[in-house]
Amino acid sequence: MSQNLIKAGVIVPSQWPLARVWLEVATLLSIAPRHIERLEFWHHQIWVKIQHKKAVFVSYRRLPLWTETGLDAIQNCSDRSSLEQLGEMLSLEVKHYQTQYNPLVLEEWRSAYAQKSQQFKREVQRQAQEEERLRPLRERQQTCQQWRDSWKTILHYCNSFDALERLAPELQQQSQEFADLPEGETAMQLWHQRWQELTQATA
């Protein structure tokens, strides 16, 4: 895993709005934006040509855009795994480039990370609660499906109208137990379907 957010593609300065970068660089250097002749995005820093002066380099990490993009990356994590992976990259990034970071920036990132982590934790808890709430229904659906499959097998080996008629009351009675489930209704449909099959076979 890369410890550099740029190499990892988490932050891509070349996609930043040039006008915004221009203003932030001017503010950082305490000069008027019009005094900047040209900016060039290098791999790890910005090359800045100032009027009547030598060019200087400005680290991406010193710009507010860097902080905002890091916050966006945290907010855009879609699951806990991606958040933890990003957290490892951020930790290694800060460790490697510690002198380039303002403590306030680090605190913003830590706070955003903690909030996002808590959000995923709440989602996991909510999913677990929902799963627990639905568990009795799913168990009941499974029982009903097994019951229906058993009747399907019984009806398949039923080869006479008399046998079908004898089974009908019991099937109807048992169907009442699962009347609230779709599978319960289809059990009687299987009975009618088998009746039709026998009718066609004896026609």
N, C-alpha and C. Protein backbone atom coordinates (compact mmCIF):
# COMPACT_ATOMS: atom_id res chain seq x y z
N MET A 1 0.84 -1.19 0.00
CA MET A 1 0.00 0.00 0.00
C MET A 1 0.88 1.25 0.00
N SER A 2 0.58 2.19 -0.86
CA SER A 2 1.35 3.42 -0.93
C SER A 2 1.05 4.29 0.29
N GLN A 3 2.13 4.94 0.82
CA GLN A 3 1.93 5.85 1.93
C GLN A 3 1.69 7.27 1.43
N ASN A 4 1.69 7.44 0.12
CA ASN A 4 1.51 8.76 -0.47
C ASN A 4 0.13 8.87 -1.07
N LEU A 5 -0.65 9.85 -0.63
CA LEU A 5 -2.03 10.00 -1.10
C LEU A 5 -2.10 10.33 -2.58
N ILE A 6 -1.07 10.98 -3.10
CA ILE A 6 -1.05 11.29 -4.53
C ILE A 6 -0.80 10.03 -5.35
N LYS A 7 0.21 9.26 -4.96
CA LYS A 7 0.50 8.02 -5.68
C LYS A 7 -0.68 7.05 -5.61
N ALA A 8 -1.36 7.05 -4.48
CA ALA A 8 -2.50 6.15 -4.30
C ALA A 8 -3.72 6.62 -5.07
N GLY A 9 -3.68 7.85 -5.58
CA GLY A 9 -4.82 8.37 -6.34
C GLY A 9 -5.95 8.87 -5.48
N VAL A 10 -5.70 8.98 -4.18
CA VAL A 10 -6.73 9.49 -3.28
C VAL A 10 -6.93 10.99 -3.50
N ILE A 11 -5.82 11.67 -3.69
CA ILE A 11 -5.86 13.11 -3.99
C ILE A 11 -5.15 13.34 -5.32
N VAL A 12 -5.85 14.00 -6.24
CA VAL A 12 -5.30 14.26 -7.58
C VAL A 12 -5.31 15.78 -7.80
N PRO A 13 -4.22 16.46 -7.44
CA PRO A 13 -4.19 17.92 -7.55
C PRO A 13 -4.47 18.45 -8.95
N SER A 14 -4.11 17.71 -9.97
CA SER A 14 -4.32 18.19 -11.34
C SER A 14 -5.80 18.38 -11.66
N GLN A 15 -6.67 17.80 -10.83
CA GLN A 15 -8.11 17.95 -11.03
C GLN A 15 -8.69 19.14 -10.27
N TRP A 16 -7.87 19.79 -9.50
CA TRP A 16 -8.34 20.96 -8.75
C TRP A 16 -8.62 22.12 -9.71
N PRO A 17 -9.57 23.00 -9.36
CA PRO A 17 -9.83 24.19 -10.18
C PRO A 17 -8.60 25.12 -10.15
N LEU A 18 -8.08 25.44 -11.30
CA LEU A 18 -6.86 26.25 -11.37
C LEU A 18 -7.03 27.60 -10.69
N ALA A 19 -8.19 28.23 -10.89
CA ALA A 19 -8.41 29.55 -10.28
C ALA A 19 -8.35 29.47 -8.76
N ARG A 20 -8.90 28.40 -8.21
CA ARG A 20 -8.88 28.21 -6.75
C ARG A 20 -7.45 27.99 -6.28
N VAL A 21 -6.70 27.18 -6.99
CA VAL A 21 -5.30 26.94 -6.62
C VAL A 21 -4.51 28.25 -6.68
N TRP A 22 -4.75 29.01 -7.71
CA TRP A 22 -4.05 30.29 -7.89
C TRP A 22 -4.26 31.20 -6.67
N LEU A 23 -5.50 31.31 -6.24
CA LEU A 23 -5.82 32.16 -5.09
C LEU A 23 -5.20 31.62 -3.80
N GLU A 24 -5.27 30.31 -3.62
CA GLU A 24 -4.74 29.73 -2.39
C GLU A 24 -3.22 29.86 -2.32
N VAL A 25 -2.56 29.68 -3.45
CA VAL A 25 -1.10 29.84 -3.49
C VAL A 25 -0.73 31.29 -3.19
N ALA A 26 -1.46 32.22 -3.79
CA ALA A 26 -1.18 33.64 -3.54
C ALA A 26 -1.37 33.99 -2.06
N THR A 27 -2.43 33.46 -1.47
CA THR A 27 -2.68 33.70 -0.05
C THR A 27 -1.57 33.12 0.81
N LEU A 28 -1.15 31.91 0.47
CA LEU A 28 -0.09 31.25 1.23
C LEU A 28 1.22 32.03 1.15
N LEU A 29 1.50 32.59 -0.02
CA LEU A 29 2.75 33.33 -0.21
C LEU A 29 2.63 34.81 0.16
N SER A 30 1.41 35.20 0.57
CA SER A 30 1.15 36.59 0.98
C SER A 30 1.46 37.58 -0.14
N ILE A 31 1.00 37.23 -1.34
CA ILE A 31 1.17 38.12 -2.48
C ILE A 31 -0.18 38.24 -3.20
N ALA A 32 -0.29 39.24 -4.04
CA ALA A 32 -1.51 39.40 -4.83
C ALA A 32 -1.52 38.37 -5.95
N PRO A 33 -2.66 37.81 -6.27
CA PRO A 33 -2.74 36.80 -7.34
C PRO A 33 -2.15 37.29 -8.66
N ARG A 34 -2.25 38.59 -8.93
CA ARG A 34 -1.73 39.10 -10.21
C ARG A 34 -0.21 39.06 -10.29
N HIS A 35 0.44 38.88 -9.15
CA HIS A 35 1.90 38.82 -9.14
C HIS A 35 2.42 37.43 -9.49
N ILE A 36 1.52 36.48 -9.62
CA ILE A 36 1.93 35.14 -10.05
C ILE A 36 1.86 35.09 -11.57
N GLU A 37 2.98 34.78 -12.19
CA GLU A 37 3.01 34.71 -13.65
C GLU A 37 2.51 33.37 -14.17
N ARG A 38 2.90 32.32 -13.48
CA ARG A 38 2.54 30.99 -13.97
C ARG A 38 2.61 29.96 -12.84
N LEU A 39 1.74 28.95 -12.96
CA LEU A 39 1.76 27.81 -12.04
C LEU A 39 1.94 26.53 -12.85
N GLU A 40 2.69 25.61 -12.28
CA GLU A 40 2.82 24.29 -12.91
C GLU A 40 2.63 23.22 -11.84
N PHE A 41 1.77 22.25 -12.14
CA PHE A 41 1.54 21.16 -11.20
C PHE A 41 2.61 20.09 -11.40
N TRP A 42 3.53 19.99 -10.45
CA TRP A 42 4.52 18.93 -10.50
C TRP A 42 3.98 17.76 -9.68
N HIS A 43 4.78 16.71 -9.62
CA HIS A 43 4.24 15.49 -9.01
C HIS A 43 3.89 15.66 -7.53
N HIS A 44 4.75 16.32 -6.78
CA HIS A 44 4.51 16.45 -5.33
C HIS A 44 4.35 17.89 -4.87
N GLN A 45 4.49 18.83 -5.80
CA GLN A 45 4.44 20.23 -5.40
C GLN A 45 4.09 21.11 -6.60
N ILE A 46 3.85 22.38 -6.31
CA ILE A 46 3.49 23.34 -7.35
C ILE A 46 4.68 24.27 -7.61
N TRP A 47 5.03 24.38 -8.86
CA TRP A 47 6.07 25.33 -9.26
C TRP A 47 5.40 26.67 -9.52
N VAL A 48 5.88 27.71 -8.84
CA VAL A 48 5.23 29.03 -8.90
C VAL A 48 6.24 30.08 -9.38
N LYS A 49 5.92 30.70 -10.50
CA LYS A 49 6.78 31.79 -11.01
C LYS A 49 6.14 33.12 -10.61
N ILE A 50 6.88 33.88 -9.83
CA ILE A 50 6.40 35.17 -9.33
C ILE A 50 7.07 36.29 -10.13
N GLN A 51 6.33 37.32 -10.40
CA GLN A 51 6.86 38.44 -11.17
C GLN A 51 8.11 39.03 -10.51
N HIS A 52 9.15 39.20 -11.35
CA HIS A 52 10.39 39.85 -10.93
C HIS A 52 11.11 39.08 -9.81
N LYS A 53 10.76 37.82 -9.64
CA LYS A 53 11.43 37.00 -8.62
C LYS A 53 11.67 35.60 -9.18
N LYS A 54 12.50 34.86 -8.46
CA LYS A 54 12.74 33.49 -8.84
C LYS A 54 11.50 32.63 -8.54
N ALA A 55 11.42 31.51 -9.22
CA ALA A 55 10.31 30.59 -8.98
C ALA A 55 10.47 29.92 -7.62
N VAL A 56 9.37 29.58 -7.01
CA VAL A 56 9.38 28.89 -5.72
C VAL A 56 8.49 27.65 -5.83
N PHE A 57 8.68 26.74 -4.90
CA PHE A 57 7.85 25.54 -4.86
C PHE A 57 6.92 25.62 -3.65
N VAL A 58 5.69 25.19 -3.86
CA VAL A 58 4.69 25.16 -2.79
C VAL A 58 4.15 23.74 -2.68
N SER A 59 4.17 23.20 -1.48
CA SER A 59 3.64 21.84 -1.27
C SER A 59 2.12 21.83 -1.38
N TYR A 60 1.61 20.82 -2.06
CA TYR A 60 0.15 20.67 -2.14
C TYR A 60 -0.46 20.58 -0.74
N ARG A 61 0.27 20.01 0.17
CA ARG A 61 -0.25 19.73 1.51
C ARG A 61 -0.48 20.99 2.34
N ARG A 62 0.00 22.10 1.87
CA ARG A 62 -0.17 23.35 2.61
C ARG A 62 -1.40 24.13 2.16
N LEU A 63 -2.11 23.62 1.17
CA LEU A 63 -3.27 24.32 0.64
C LEU A 63 -4.57 23.81 1.26
N PRO A 64 -5.54 24.69 1.47
CA PRO A 64 -6.85 24.25 1.97
C PRO A 64 -7.50 23.19 1.08
N LEU A 65 -7.23 23.25 -0.22
CA LEU A 65 -7.79 22.25 -1.14
C LEU A 65 -7.36 20.84 -0.77
N TRP A 66 -6.13 20.72 -0.28
CA TRP A 66 -5.63 19.41 0.12
C TRP A 66 -6.45 18.87 1.30
N THR A 67 -6.69 19.77 2.25
CA THR A 67 -7.50 19.37 3.41
C THR A 67 -8.90 18.96 2.99
N GLU A 68 -9.51 19.78 2.13
CA GLU A 68 -10.88 19.50 1.69
C GLU A 68 -10.96 18.19 0.91
N THR A 69 -9.97 17.95 0.06
CA THR A 69 -10.00 16.72 -0.74
C THR A 69 -9.84 15.50 0.16
N GLY A 70 -9.02 15.63 1.19
CA GLY A 70 -8.89 14.54 2.15
C GLY A 70 -10.19 14.27 2.88
N LEU A 71 -10.88 15.35 3.26
CA LEU A 71 -12.18 15.20 3.92
C LEU A 71 -13.19 14.55 2.98
N ASP A 72 -13.17 14.95 1.71
CA ASP A 72 -14.08 14.35 0.73
C ASP A 72 -13.81 12.86 0.58
N ALA A 73 -12.53 12.49 0.59
CA ALA A 73 -12.17 11.08 0.45
C ALA A 73 -12.74 10.27 1.61
N ILE A 74 -12.68 10.84 2.80
CA ILE A 74 -13.23 10.16 3.98
C ILE A 74 -14.74 10.02 3.85
N GLN A 75 -15.41 11.11 3.47
CA GLN A 75 -16.87 11.09 3.35
C GLN A 75 -17.34 10.15 2.25
N ASN A 76 -16.53 9.98 1.21
CA ASN A 76 -16.95 9.17 0.07
C ASN A 76 -16.69 7.68 0.25
N CYS A 77 -16.10 7.29 1.37
CA CYS A 77 -15.91 5.86 1.63
C CYS A 77 -17.27 5.18 1.71
N SER A 78 -17.44 4.11 0.95
CA SER A 78 -18.76 3.47 0.87
C SER A 78 -18.97 2.37 1.90
N ASP A 79 -17.89 1.91 2.52
CA ASP A 79 -18.04 0.87 3.54
C ASP A 79 -16.88 0.96 4.53
N ARG A 80 -16.99 0.16 5.58
CA ARG A 80 -15.99 0.21 6.65
C ARG A 80 -14.62 -0.24 6.16
N SER A 81 -14.60 -1.21 5.26
CA SER A 81 -13.33 -1.70 4.75
C SER A 81 -12.56 -0.61 4.02
N SER A 82 -13.25 0.12 3.14
CA SER A 82 -12.58 1.19 2.39
C SER A 82 -12.15 2.32 3.33
N LEU A 83 -12.94 2.57 4.37
CA LEU A 83 -12.58 3.60 5.34
C LEU A 83 -11.32 3.20 6.10
N GLU A 84 -11.24 1.95 6.52
CA GLU A 84 -10.07 1.49 7.25
C GLU A 84 -8.83 1.52 6.36
N GLN A 85 -9.00 1.16 5.09
CA GLN A 85 -7.87 1.21 4.16
C GLN A 85 -7.38 2.65 4.00
N LEU A 86 -8.33 3.57 3.85
CA LEU A 86 -7.96 4.98 3.74
C LEU A 86 -7.31 5.46 5.03
N GLY A 87 -7.81 5.00 6.17
CA GLY A 87 -7.24 5.39 7.45
C GLY A 87 -5.78 4.98 7.57
N GLU A 88 -5.45 3.80 7.06
CA GLU A 88 -4.05 3.35 7.08
C GLU A 88 -3.19 4.26 6.21
N MET A 89 -3.73 4.63 5.04
CA MET A 89 -2.97 5.51 4.14
C MET A 89 -2.77 6.89 4.77
N LEU A 90 -3.83 7.41 5.40
CA LEU A 90 -3.72 8.72 6.05
C LEU A 90 -2.70 8.69 7.18
N SER A 91 -2.71 7.61 7.94
CA SER A 91 -1.78 7.49 9.06
C SER A 91 -0.33 7.47 8.57
N LEU A 92 -0.07 6.68 7.52
CA LEU A 92 1.28 6.61 6.96
C LEU A 92 1.67 7.92 6.29
N GLU A 93 0.70 8.55 5.63
CA GLU A 93 0.94 9.84 4.99
C GLU A 93 1.38 10.88 6.01
N VAL A 94 0.63 10.99 7.09
CA VAL A 94 0.94 11.99 8.11
C VAL A 94 2.27 11.69 8.79
N LYS A 95 2.54 10.42 9.00
CA LYS A 95 3.80 10.04 9.63
C LYS A 95 4.99 10.42 8.75
N HIS A 96 4.82 10.24 7.44
CA HIS A 96 5.92 10.49 6.51
C HIS A 96 6.11 11.99 6.24
N TYR A 97 4.99 12.74 6.22
CA TYR A 97 5.06 14.17 5.89
C TYR A 97 4.60 15.04 7.06
N GLN A 98 4.92 14.62 8.26
CA GLN A 98 4.40 15.27 9.46
C GLN A 98 4.71 16.76 9.50
N THR A 99 5.90 17.15 9.08
CA THR A 99 6.30 18.56 9.19
C THR A 99 5.50 19.46 8.25
N GLN A 100 4.83 18.88 7.27
CA GLN A 100 4.09 19.69 6.30
C GLN A 100 2.62 19.87 6.70
N TYR A 101 2.24 19.27 7.81
CA TYR A 101 0.83 19.33 8.20
C TYR A 101 0.59 20.25 9.39
N ASN A 102 -0.44 21.06 9.25
CA ASN A 102 -0.91 21.89 10.35
C ASN A 102 -1.72 21.00 11.30
N PRO A 103 -1.48 21.12 12.60
CA PRO A 103 -2.24 20.29 13.56
C PRO A 103 -3.75 20.41 13.40
N LEU A 104 -4.23 21.59 12.99
CA LEU A 104 -5.67 21.78 12.81
C LEU A 104 -6.20 20.91 11.67
N VAL A 105 -5.38 20.75 10.63
CA VAL A 105 -5.77 19.89 9.51
C VAL A 105 -5.90 18.44 9.98
N LEU A 106 -4.93 18.01 10.74
CA LEU A 106 -4.95 16.64 11.24
C LEU A 106 -6.17 16.41 12.13
N GLU A 107 -6.50 17.41 12.93
CA GLU A 107 -7.66 17.27 13.81
C GLU A 107 -8.95 17.19 12.99
N GLU A 108 -9.03 17.96 11.90
CA GLU A 108 -10.20 17.88 11.02
C GLU A 108 -10.35 16.49 10.43
N TRP A 109 -9.24 15.95 9.97
CA TRP A 109 -9.28 14.61 9.38
C TRP A 109 -9.66 13.56 10.42
N ARG A 110 -9.07 13.67 11.60
CA ARG A 110 -9.38 12.69 12.65
C ARG A 110 -10.85 12.75 13.04
N SER A 111 -11.37 13.96 13.16
CA SER A 111 -12.77 14.13 13.53
C SER A 111 -13.69 13.55 12.46
N ALA A 112 -13.39 13.86 11.19
CA ALA A 112 -14.21 13.34 10.09
C ALA A 112 -14.14 11.82 10.02
N TYR A 113 -12.94 11.29 10.26
CA TYR A 113 -12.78 9.83 10.23
C TYR A 113 -13.58 9.18 11.35
N ALA A 114 -13.52 9.77 12.54
CA ALA A 114 -14.25 9.22 13.68
C ALA A 114 -15.76 9.25 13.43
N GLN A 115 -16.24 10.34 12.85
CA GLN A 115 -17.67 10.46 12.56
C GLN A 115 -18.11 9.43 11.52
N LYS A 116 -17.28 9.26 10.49
CA LYS A 116 -17.62 8.29 9.44
C LYS A 116 -17.58 6.87 10.00
N SER A 117 -16.61 6.59 10.85
CA SER A 117 -16.52 5.27 11.47
C SER A 117 -17.74 5.00 12.33
N GLN A 118 -18.16 6.02 13.08
CA GLN A 118 -19.35 5.88 13.92
C GLN A 118 -20.59 5.66 13.08
N GLN A 119 -20.65 6.32 11.93
CA GLN A 119 -21.78 6.14 11.02
C GLN A 119 -21.89 4.69 10.55
N PHE A 120 -20.75 4.12 10.15
CA PHE A 120 -20.75 2.72 9.72
C PHE A 120 -21.12 1.79 10.87
N LYS A 121 -20.66 2.13 12.07
CA LYS A 121 -20.98 1.32 13.24
C LYS A 121 -22.48 1.31 13.49
N ARG A 122 -23.11 2.49 13.37
CA ARG A 122 -24.56 2.58 13.56
C ARG A 122 -25.30 1.79 12.48
N GLU A 123 -24.78 1.83 11.25
CA GLU A 123 -25.42 1.10 10.16
C GLU A 123 -25.35 -0.41 10.40
N VAL A 124 -24.20 -0.87 10.90
CA VAL A 124 -24.06 -2.29 11.21
C VAL A 124 -25.03 -2.69 12.31
N GLN A 125 -25.15 -1.85 13.33
CA GLN A 125 -26.08 -2.14 14.42
C GLN A 125 -27.52 -2.16 13.92
N ARG A 126 -27.85 -1.20 13.05
CA ARG A 126 -29.20 -1.15 12.50
C ARG A 126 -29.51 -2.39 11.66
N GLN A 127 -28.54 -2.81 10.85
CA GLN A 127 -28.72 -4.01 10.03
C GLN A 127 -28.89 -5.25 10.90
N ALA A 128 -28.11 -5.30 11.99
CA ALA A 128 -28.23 -6.44 12.90
C ALA A 128 -29.60 -6.47 13.56
N GLN A 129 -30.09 -5.30 13.95
CA GLN A 129 -31.42 -5.22 14.57
C GLN A 129 -32.51 -5.61 13.57
N GLU A 130 -32.36 -5.16 12.33
CA GLU A 130 -33.34 -5.49 11.30
C GLU A 130 -33.32 -6.99 11.00
N GLU A 131 -32.12 -7.55 10.98
CA GLU A 131 -31.99 -8.99 10.74
C GLU A 131 -32.66 -9.78 11.87
N GLU A 132 -32.47 -9.31 13.09
CA GLU A 132 -33.08 -9.98 14.23
C GLU A 132 -34.60 -9.86 14.18
N ARG A 133 -35.08 -8.71 13.73
CA ARG A 133 -36.52 -8.50 13.63
C ARG A 133 -37.15 -9.41 12.58
N LEU A 134 -36.43 -9.62 11.49
CA LEU A 134 -36.97 -10.42 10.38
C LEU A 134 -36.71 -11.91 10.53
N ARG A 135 -35.85 -12.28 11.48
CA ARG A 135 -35.47 -13.69 11.61
C ARG A 135 -36.66 -14.62 11.80
N PRO A 136 -37.62 -14.30 12.69
CA PRO A 136 -38.78 -15.21 12.85
C PRO A 136 -39.56 -15.39 11.54
N LEU A 137 -39.73 -14.30 10.79
CA LEU A 137 -40.46 -14.40 9.53
C LEU A 137 -39.72 -15.27 8.54
N ARG A 138 -38.41 -15.11 8.45
CA ARG A 138 -37.63 -15.91 7.51
C ARG A 138 -37.64 -17.39 7.89
N GLU A 139 -37.57 -17.64 9.20
CA GLU A 139 -37.64 -19.04 9.65
C GLU A 139 -39.01 -19.63 9.30
N ARG A 140 -40.04 -18.83 9.46
CA ARG A 140 -41.38 -19.29 9.13
C ARG A 140 -41.52 -19.53 7.63
N GLN A 141 -40.95 -18.65 6.82
CA GLN A 141 -40.97 -18.83 5.37
C GLN A 141 -40.23 -20.10 4.96
N GLN A 142 -39.13 -20.36 5.63
CA GLN A 142 -38.37 -21.57 5.33
C GLN A 142 -39.17 -22.82 5.69
N THR A 143 -39.83 -22.78 6.84
CA THR A 143 -40.67 -23.91 7.25
C THR A 143 -41.80 -24.13 6.26
N CYS A 144 -42.41 -23.03 5.82
CA CYS A 144 -43.51 -23.12 4.86
C CYS A 144 -43.03 -23.69 3.54
N GLN A 145 -41.84 -23.27 3.10
CA GLN A 145 -41.31 -23.78 1.83
C GLN A 145 -41.04 -25.27 1.92
N GLN A 146 -40.50 -25.71 3.04
CA GLN A 146 -40.25 -27.15 3.23
C GLN A 146 -41.57 -27.93 3.22
N TRP A 147 -42.58 -27.36 3.88
CA TRP A 147 -43.91 -28.00 3.90
C TRP A 147 -44.48 -28.09 2.49
N ARG A 148 -44.37 -27.00 1.73
CA ARG A 148 -44.89 -26.98 0.36
C ARG A 148 -44.16 -28.01 -0.51
N ASP A 149 -42.83 -28.08 -0.36
CA ASP A 149 -42.06 -29.04 -1.16
C ASP A 149 -42.45 -30.47 -0.84
N SER A 150 -42.75 -30.71 0.44
CA SER A 150 -43.19 -32.07 0.83
C SER A 150 -44.51 -32.42 0.17
N TRP A 151 -45.44 -31.48 0.17
CA TRP A 151 -46.73 -31.71 -0.48
C TRP A 151 -46.57 -31.86 -1.98
N LYS A 152 -45.65 -31.16 -2.56
CA LYS A 152 -45.41 -31.28 -4.00
C LYS A 152 -44.98 -32.70 -4.34
N THR A 153 -44.13 -33.27 -3.49
CA THR A 153 -43.69 -34.66 -3.71
C THR A 153 -44.85 -35.63 -3.54
N ILE A 154 -45.65 -35.41 -2.48
CA ILE A 154 -46.80 -36.30 -2.24
C ILE A 154 -47.76 -36.26 -3.41
N LEU A 155 -48.08 -35.09 -3.89
CA LEU A 155 -49.03 -34.95 -5.00
C LEU A 155 -48.48 -35.54 -6.29
N HIS A 156 -47.20 -35.49 -6.45
CA HIS A 156 -46.58 -36.05 -7.66
C HIS A 156 -46.83 -37.56 -7.77
N TYR A 157 -46.84 -38.22 -6.62
CA TYR A 157 -47.05 -39.68 -6.62
C TYR A 157 -48.52 -40.05 -6.43
N CYS A 158 -49.38 -39.07 -6.42
CA CYS A 158 -50.82 -39.33 -6.29
C CYS A 158 -51.38 -39.56 -7.70
N ASN A 159 -51.83 -40.80 -7.98
CA ASN A 159 -52.18 -41.16 -9.36
C ASN A 159 -53.67 -41.41 -9.58
N SER A 160 -54.51 -40.97 -8.65
CA SER A 160 -55.95 -41.16 -8.87
C SER A 160 -56.72 -39.97 -8.30
N PHE A 161 -57.92 -39.77 -8.87
CA PHE A 161 -58.77 -38.67 -8.38
C PHE A 161 -59.23 -38.92 -6.95
N ASP A 162 -59.50 -40.18 -6.64
CA ASP A 162 -59.94 -40.52 -5.28
C ASP A 162 -58.87 -40.14 -4.26
N ALA A 163 -57.63 -40.48 -4.59
CA ALA A 163 -56.54 -40.16 -3.67
C ALA A 163 -56.40 -38.65 -3.49
N LEU A 164 -56.55 -37.94 -4.60
CA LEU A 164 -56.46 -36.48 -4.52
C LEU A 164 -57.57 -35.90 -3.65
N GLU A 165 -58.78 -36.43 -3.83
CA GLU A 165 -59.91 -35.93 -3.04
C GLU A 165 -59.72 -36.20 -1.56
N ARG A 166 -59.13 -37.35 -1.25
CA ARG A 166 -58.90 -37.68 0.17
C ARG A 166 -57.84 -36.74 0.79
N LEU A 167 -56.90 -36.31 -0.04
CA LEU A 167 -55.83 -35.44 0.47
C LEU A 167 -56.26 -33.98 0.60
N ALA A 168 -57.27 -33.60 -0.18
CA ALA A 168 -57.66 -32.18 -0.24
C ALA A 168 -58.00 -31.58 1.12
N PRO A 169 -58.85 -32.23 1.96
CA PRO A 169 -59.19 -31.61 3.26
C PRO A 169 -57.97 -31.37 4.14
N GLU A 170 -57.08 -32.36 4.17
CA GLU A 170 -55.88 -32.21 5.01
C GLU A 170 -54.99 -31.09 4.49
N LEU A 171 -54.85 -31.02 3.17
CA LEU A 171 -54.03 -29.96 2.59
C LEU A 171 -54.64 -28.59 2.86
N GLN A 172 -55.96 -28.49 2.73
CA GLN A 172 -56.62 -27.21 3.00
C GLN A 172 -56.46 -26.79 4.46
N GLN A 173 -56.59 -27.77 5.35
CA GLN A 173 -56.46 -27.47 6.78
C GLN A 173 -55.04 -26.99 7.11
N GLN A 174 -54.06 -27.72 6.60
CA GLN A 174 -52.67 -27.33 6.86
C GLN A 174 -52.33 -25.98 6.22
N SER A 175 -52.95 -25.69 5.08
CA SER A 175 -52.68 -24.43 4.38
C SER A 175 -53.07 -23.22 5.23
N GLN A 176 -54.06 -23.41 6.12
CA GLN A 176 -54.49 -22.29 6.95
C GLN A 176 -53.37 -21.78 7.85
N GLU A 177 -52.48 -22.68 8.22
CA GLU A 177 -51.38 -22.29 9.09
C GLU A 177 -50.44 -21.30 8.40
N PHE A 178 -50.38 -21.42 7.07
CA PHE A 178 -49.49 -20.53 6.31
C PHE A 178 -50.28 -19.63 5.37
N ALA A 179 -51.51 -19.31 5.75
CA ALA A 179 -52.39 -18.52 4.88
C ALA A 179 -51.85 -17.12 4.62
N ASP A 180 -51.01 -16.63 5.52
CA ASP A 180 -50.47 -15.27 5.35
C ASP A 180 -49.25 -15.23 4.44
N LEU A 181 -48.79 -16.41 4.00
CA LEU A 181 -47.60 -16.47 3.15
C LEU A 181 -47.98 -16.92 1.74
N PRO A 182 -47.32 -16.39 0.72
CA PRO A 182 -47.61 -16.80 -0.66
C PRO A 182 -47.45 -18.30 -0.88
N GLU A 183 -46.45 -18.89 -0.22
CA GLU A 183 -46.22 -20.32 -0.40
C GLU A 183 -47.41 -21.15 0.07
N GLY A 184 -48.13 -20.63 1.09
CA GLY A 184 -49.30 -21.35 1.59
C GLY A 184 -50.40 -21.41 0.56
N GLU A 185 -50.58 -20.35 -0.20
CA GLU A 185 -51.61 -20.32 -1.23
C GLU A 185 -51.26 -21.23 -2.40
N THR A 186 -49.98 -21.28 -2.75
CA THR A 186 -49.59 -22.07 -3.92
C THR A 186 -49.68 -23.57 -3.67
N ALA A 187 -49.77 -23.98 -2.43
CA ALA A 187 -49.90 -25.41 -2.15
C ALA A 187 -51.19 -25.96 -2.75
N MET A 188 -52.29 -25.25 -2.58
CA MET A 188 -53.55 -25.69 -3.19
C MET A 188 -53.49 -25.59 -4.71
N GLN A 189 -52.73 -24.66 -5.22
CA GLN A 189 -52.55 -24.58 -6.66
C GLN A 189 -51.87 -25.83 -7.19
N LEU A 190 -50.95 -26.37 -6.41
CA LEU A 190 -50.31 -27.62 -6.80
C LEU A 190 -51.33 -28.76 -6.87
N TRP A 191 -52.27 -28.74 -5.93
CA TRP A 191 -53.31 -29.78 -5.93
C TRP A 191 -54.15 -29.67 -7.21
N HIS A 192 -54.58 -28.46 -7.56
CA HIS A 192 -55.37 -28.26 -8.77
C HIS A 192 -54.55 -28.60 -10.02
N GLN A 193 -53.29 -28.29 -9.97
CA GLN A 193 -52.43 -28.60 -11.11
C GLN A 193 -52.33 -30.11 -11.31
N ARG A 194 -52.21 -30.84 -10.19
CA ARG A 194 -52.13 -32.31 -10.31
C ARG A 194 -53.45 -32.87 -10.81
N TRP A 195 -54.55 -32.27 -10.39
CA TRP A 195 -55.86 -32.71 -10.87
C TRP A 195 -55.95 -32.53 -12.39
N GLN A 196 -55.46 -31.40 -12.88
CA GLN A 196 -55.46 -31.15 -14.32
C GLN A 196 -54.58 -32.15 -15.06
N GLU A 197 -53.47 -32.50 -14.47
CA GLU A 197 -52.57 -33.47 -15.10
C GLU A 197 -53.25 -34.83 -15.23
N LEU A 198 -53.95 -35.24 -14.17
CA LEU A 198 -54.65 -36.53 -14.23
C LEU A 198 -55.79 -36.47 -15.24
N THR A 199 -56.46 -35.33 -15.31
CA THR A 199 -57.56 -35.18 -16.27
C THR A 199 -57.05 -35.32 -17.70
N GLN A 200 -55.94 -34.70 -17.98
CA GLN A 200 -55.37 -34.77 -19.32
C GLN A 200 -54.85 -36.18 -19.62
N ALA A 201 -54.33 -36.84 -18.59
CA ALA A 201 -53.80 -38.19 -18.80
C ALA A 201 -54.89 -39.21 -19.09
N THR A 202 -56.09 -38.97 -18.57
CA THR A 202 -57.19 -39.94 -18.76
C THR A 202 -58.14 -39.53 -19.87
N ALA A 203 -57.87 -38.39 -20.51
CA ALA A 203 -58.77 -37.92 -21.58
C ALA A 203 -58.67 -38.82 -22.82
